[in-house]
C-alpha atoms as a PDB file:
ATOM      1  CA  MET A   1      -8.938-156.821  68.246  1.00  0.00           C
ATOM      2  CA  TYR A   2      -8.654-153.287  66.899  1.00  0.00           C
ATOM      3  CA  GLU A   3     -10.697-150.101  67.209  1.00  0.00           C
ATOM      4  CA  THR A   4     -10.895-147.345  64.609  1.00  0.00           C
ATOM      5  CA  TYR A   5     -10.413-143.675  65.437  1.00  0.00           C
ATOM      6  CA  GLN A   6     -11.943-141.185  63.015  1.00  0.00           C
ATOM      7  CA  GLY A   7     -11.982-137.429  63.475  1.00  0.00           C
ATOM      8  CA  HIS A   8     -10.225-134.159  62.603  1.00  0.00           C
ATOM      9  CA  GLY A   9      -9.709-135.361  59.014  1.00  0.00           C
ATOM     10  CA  VAL A  10      -7.836-138.567  59.895  1.00  0.00           C
ATOM     11  CA  ARG A  11      -8.566-142.218  60.549  1.00  0.00           C
ATOM     12  CA  PHE A  12      -6.396-144.987  62.012  1.00  0.00           C
ATOM     13  CA  ARG A  13      -6.668-148.370  63.710  1.00  0.00           C
ATOM     14  CA  TYR A  14      -5.263-149.109  67.162  1.00  0.00           C
ATOM     15  CA  PRO A  15      -5.394-152.012  69.649  1.00  0.00           C
ATOM     16  CA  ALA A  16      -8.744-152.102  71.470  1.00  0.00           C
ATOM     17  CA  LYS A  17      -7.021-152.610  74.841  1.00  0.00           C
ATOM     18  CA  TRP A  18      -4.948-149.434  74.483  1.00  0.00           C
ATOM     19  CA  GLU A  19      -6.143-146.156  76.021  1.00  0.00           C
ATOM     20  CA  LEU A  20      -7.058-143.310  73.654  1.00  0.00           C
ATOM     21  CA  ARG A  21      -6.792-139.626  74.658  1.00  0.00           C
ATOM     22  CA  GLU A  22      -7.545-136.517  72.647  1.00  0.00           C
ATOM     23  CA  GLU A  23      -6.163-133.115  73.660  1.00  0.00           C
ATOM     24  CA  LEU A  24      -6.738-129.652  72.215  1.00  0.00           C
ATOM     25  CA  ASP A  25      -4.070-126.978  72.681  1.00  0.00           C
ATOM     26  CA  GLU A  26      -4.091-123.613  70.876  1.00  0.00           C
ATOM     27  CA  GLY A  27      -5.842-125.012  67.807  1.00  0.00           C
ATOM     28  CA  GLU A  28      -3.666-128.124  67.597  1.00  0.00           C
ATOM     29  CA  VAL A  29      -5.173-131.546  68.256  1.00  0.00           C
ATOM     30  CA  THR A  30      -3.137-134.429  69.686  1.00  0.00           C
ATOM     31  CA  ILE A  31      -4.559-137.949  69.651  1.00  0.00           C
ATOM     32  CA  THR A  32      -2.576-140.478  71.704  1.00  0.00           C
ATOM     33  CA  VAL A  33      -3.019-144.213  72.146  1.00  0.00           C
ATOM     34  CA  SER A  34      -1.078-145.833  74.995  1.00  0.00           C
ATOM     35  CA  SER A  35      -0.196-149.429  75.818  1.00  0.00           C
ATOM     36  CA  MET A  36      -0.507-150.856  79.315  1.00  0.00           C
ATOM     37  CA  GLU A  37       3.256-150.269  79.749  1.00  0.00           C
ATOM     38  CA  THR A  38       5.233-147.265  78.453  1.00  0.00           C
ATOM     39  CA  SER A  39       4.825-147.486  74.662  1.00  0.00           C
ATOM     40  CA  PHE A  40       2.565-144.972  72.982  1.00  0.00           C
ATOM     41  CA  TRP A  41       1.662-143.606  69.549  1.00  0.00           C
ATOM     42  CA  SER A  42       0.683-139.984  69.068  1.00  0.00           C
ATOM     43  CA  LEU A  43      -0.573-137.832  66.204  1.00  0.00           C
ATOM     44  CA  THR A  44      -0.558-134.029  66.404  1.00  0.00           C
ATOM     45  CA  ILE A  45      -2.562-132.141  63.794  1.00  0.00           C
ATOM     46  CA  ILE A  46      -1.237-128.618  63.194  1.00  0.00           C
ATOM     47  CA  PRO A  47      -3.672-126.433  61.216  1.00  0.00           C
ATOM     48  CA  GLN A  48      -1.072-123.665  60.555  1.00  0.00           C
ATOM     49  CA  ARG A  49       0.644-126.107  58.121  1.00  0.00           C
ATOM     50  CA  PRO A  50       4.334-125.533  58.975  1.00  0.00           C
ATOM     51  CA  ARG A  51       6.859-127.284  56.764  1.00  0.00           C
ATOM     52  CA  PRO A  52       7.467-130.900  57.888  1.00  0.00           C
ATOM     53  CA  GLU A  53      11.190-130.101  58.243  1.00  0.00           C
ATOM     54  CA  GLU A  54      10.325-127.407  60.810  1.00  0.00           C
ATOM     55  CA  VAL A  55       8.047-129.774  62.735  1.00  0.00           C
ATOM     56  CA  ILE A  56      10.793-132.412  62.970  1.00  0.00           C
ATOM     57  CA  GLU A  57      13.497-129.854  63.843  1.00  0.00           C
ATOM     58  CA  SER A  58      11.333-128.578  66.690  1.00  0.00           C
ATOM     59  CA  ALA A  59      10.646-132.093  67.985  1.00  0.00           C
ATOM     60  CA  VAL A  60      14.340-133.050  67.862  1.00  0.00           C
ATOM     61  CA  ALA A  61      15.270-129.787  69.633  1.00  0.00           C
ATOM     62  CA  ALA A  62      12.858-130.676  72.449  1.00  0.00           C
ATOM     63  CA  PHE A  63      14.604-134.033  72.872  1.00  0.00           C
ATOM     64  CA  GLN A  64      18.009-132.334  72.847  1.00  0.00           C
ATOM     65  CA  GLU A  65      16.912-129.992  75.641  1.00  0.00           C
ATOM     66  CA  GLU A  66      15.615-132.881  77.739  1.00  0.00           C
ATOM     67  CA  TYR A  67      18.267-135.607  77.321  1.00  0.00           C
ATOM     68  CA  GLU A  68      22.061-135.456  77.459  1.00  0.00           C
ATOM     69  CA  GLU A  69      22.604-138.823  75.790  1.00  0.00           C
ATOM     70  CA  LEU A  70      20.824-138.629  72.452  1.00  0.00           C
ATOM     71  CA  ASP A  71      21.388-140.084  68.987  1.00  0.00           C
ATOM     72  CA  VAL A  72      19.356-138.898  65.995  1.00  0.00           C
ATOM     73  CA  TYR A  73      19.105-140.797  62.704  1.00  0.00           C
ATOM     74  CA  ALA A  74      17.547-139.623  59.427  1.00  0.00           C
ATOM     75  CA  THR A  75      15.181-142.275  58.077  1.00  0.00           C
ATOM     76  CA  GLU A  76      12.631-142.649  55.300  1.00  0.00           C
ATOM     77  CA  ALA A  77       8.934-143.272  55.824  1.00  0.00           C
ATOM     78  CA  GLU A  78       5.646-142.836  54.020  1.00  0.00           C
ATOM     79  CA  LEU A  79       2.454-141.957  55.880  1.00  0.00           C
ATOM     80  CA  CYS A  80      -0.993-141.204  54.510  1.00  0.00           C
ATOM     81  CA  HIS A  81       0.334-141.973  51.015  1.00  0.00           C
ATOM     82  CA  ARG A  82       2.892-139.157  51.382  1.00  0.00           C
ATOM     83  CA  GLU A  83       6.623-139.026  51.885  1.00  0.00           C
ATOM     84  CA  SER A  84       7.407-137.808  55.365  1.00  0.00           C
ATOM     85  CA  VAL A  85      10.362-136.118  56.994  1.00  0.00           C
ATOM     86  CA  SER A  86      11.519-138.749  59.487  1.00  0.00           C
ATOM     87  CA  ARG A  87      13.951-139.142  62.359  1.00  0.00           C
ATOM     88  CA  ASP A  88      14.579-142.007  64.757  1.00  0.00           C
ATOM     89  CA  VAL A  89      15.887-140.961  68.155  1.00  0.00           C
ATOM     90  CA  GLU A  90      17.606-143.051  70.814  1.00  0.00           C
ATOM     91  CA  PHE A  91      18.014-141.675  74.325  1.00  0.00           C
ATOM     92  CA  VAL A  92      18.654-142.802  77.878  1.00  0.00           C
ATOM     93  CA  CYS A  93      16.017-142.143  80.535  1.00  0.00           C
ATOM     94  CA  LEU A  94      16.029-143.680  84.020  1.00  0.00           C
ATOM     95  CA  GLU A  95      18.966-145.836  82.922  1.00  0.00           C
ATOM     96  CA  LEU A  96      16.872-147.405  80.152  1.00  0.00           C
ATOM     97  CA  LEU A  97      17.545-147.076  76.424  1.00  0.00           C
ATOM     98  CA  ASN A  98      14.486-145.664  74.674  1.00  0.00           C
ATOM     99  CA  GLY A  99      13.522-145.319  71.038  1.00  0.00           C
ATOM    100  CA  ALA A 100      11.391-142.520  69.632  1.00  0.00           C
ATOM    101  CA  PHE A 101      10.197-142.281  66.056  1.00  0.00           C
ATOM    102  CA  LEU A 102       9.284-138.869  64.622  1.00  0.00           C
ATOM    103  CA  ARG A 103       7.455-138.441  61.314  1.00  0.00           C
ATOM    104  CA  SER A 104       5.925-135.354  59.715  1.00  0.00           C
ATOM    105  CA  PHE A 105       4.026-134.648  56.517  1.00  0.00           C
ATOM    106  CA  ARG A 106       1.720-131.924  55.242  1.00  0.00           C
ATOM    107  CA  THR A 107      -1.695-132.116  53.595  1.00  0.00           C
ATOM    108  CA  GLU A 108      -3.791-129.386  52.008  1.00  0.00           C
ATOM    109  CA  ARG A 109      -5.462-128.798  55.412  1.00  0.00           C
ATOM    110  CA  PHE A 110      -2.785-129.407  58.072  1.00  0.00           C
ATOM    111  CA  SER A 111       0.706-130.586  58.982  1.00  0.00           C
ATOM    112  CA  THR A 112       1.271-133.508  61.295  1.00  0.00           C
ATOM    113  CA  LEU A 113       3.676-134.924  63.807  1.00  0.00           C
ATOM    114  CA  VAL A 114       3.474-138.674  64.280  1.00  0.00           C
ATOM    115  CA  TYR A 115       5.489-139.636  67.324  1.00  0.00           C
ATOM    116  CA  TYR A 116       5.773-143.063  68.891  1.00  0.00           C
ATOM    117  CA  GLN A 117       8.117-144.355  71.542  1.00  0.00           C
ATOM    118  CA  GLY A 118       8.971-147.055  74.067  1.00  0.00           C
ATOM    119  CA  THR A 119      11.861-148.608  75.939  1.00  0.00           C
ATOM    120  CA  ASP A 120      14.090-150.825  73.798  1.00  0.00           C
ATOM    121  CA  GLU A 121      12.986-153.906  75.714  1.00  0.00           C
ATOM    122  CA  GLU A 122       9.300-153.104  75.334  1.00  0.00           C
ATOM    123  CA  LEU A 123       9.711-152.139  71.665  1.00  0.00           C
ATOM    124  CA  GLU A 124      10.626-155.755  70.940  1.00  0.00           C
ATOM    125  CA  GLU A 125       6.916-156.458  71.447  1.00  0.00           C
ATOM    126  CA  THR A 126       5.251-153.147  70.588  1.00  0.00           C
ATOM    127  CA  ARG A 127       7.209-151.680  67.662  1.00  0.00           C
ATOM    128  CA  GLU A 128       5.318-153.767  65.113  1.00  0.00           C
ATOM    129  CA  ILE A 129       2.021-152.589  66.653  1.00  0.00           C
ATOM    130  CA  LEU A 130       3.155-148.943  66.674  1.00  0.00           C
ATOM    131  CA  GLU A 131       4.202-149.168  63.042  1.00  0.00           C
ATOM    132  CA  SER A 132       0.914-150.839  62.081  1.00  0.00           C
ATOM    133  CA  ILE A 133      -0.962-147.897  63.634  1.00  0.00           C
ATOM    134  CA  SER A 134       1.156-145.553  61.481  1.00  0.00           C
ATOM    135  CA  ALA A 135       0.560-147.706  58.396  1.00  0.00           C
ATOM    136  CA  SER A 136      -3.218-147.569  58.962  1.00  0.00           C
ATOM    137  CA  LEU A 137      -3.254-143.748  59.077  1.00  0.00           C
ATOM    138  CA  GLU A 138      -5.449-142.224  56.380  1.00  0.00           C
ATOM    139  CA  CYS A 139      -6.151-138.561  55.686  1.00  0.00           C
ATOM    140  CA  GLU A 140      -9.330-136.920  54.451  1.00  0.00           C
ATOM    141  CA  GLY A 141      -9.002-136.142  50.767  1.00  0.00           C
ATOM    142  CA  ASP A 142      -7.013-139.266  49.977  1.00  0.00           C
ATOM    143  CA  GLU A 143      -8.474-141.540  47.313  1.00  0.00           C
ATOM    144  CA  ALA A 144     -11.558-143.475  48.461  1.00  0.00           C
ATOM    145  CA  LEU A 145     -11.112-142.331  52.055  1.00  0.00           C
ATOM    146  CA  PHE A 146     -14.190-141.889  54.200  1.00  0.00           C
ATOM    147  CA  SER A 147     -16.474-143.143  51.441  1.00  0.00           C
END
């Protein structure tokens, strides 16, 4: 069973049993849906519209500051019918291997950071769900959206 989130010019579907939080910080909005374990999916809407490359560079730099053991991989992804700047990150935390997936694109109204993560073991079950949330993401102004 899935719920639909709609607000701030975006819409996406997420598992009904997952917790949804919305946070406002200096004009940016972050919407996060969390599993019962450690996996989560997050969307930050940035109205200043920085270049997606800058958004990803900043996110990767934050990981580099936090974790000594870190691998970063350039990947390709499309979100909201747009090519995104994408990186997959692997890091060790509390002796567990974790995967984080960073995606950014820009619309006429805002830039975004889509960020989802979990432990490798948990991702065996949740990665497909996390990617389906990303695949369901729609942006205001896209064809037939919000009609």
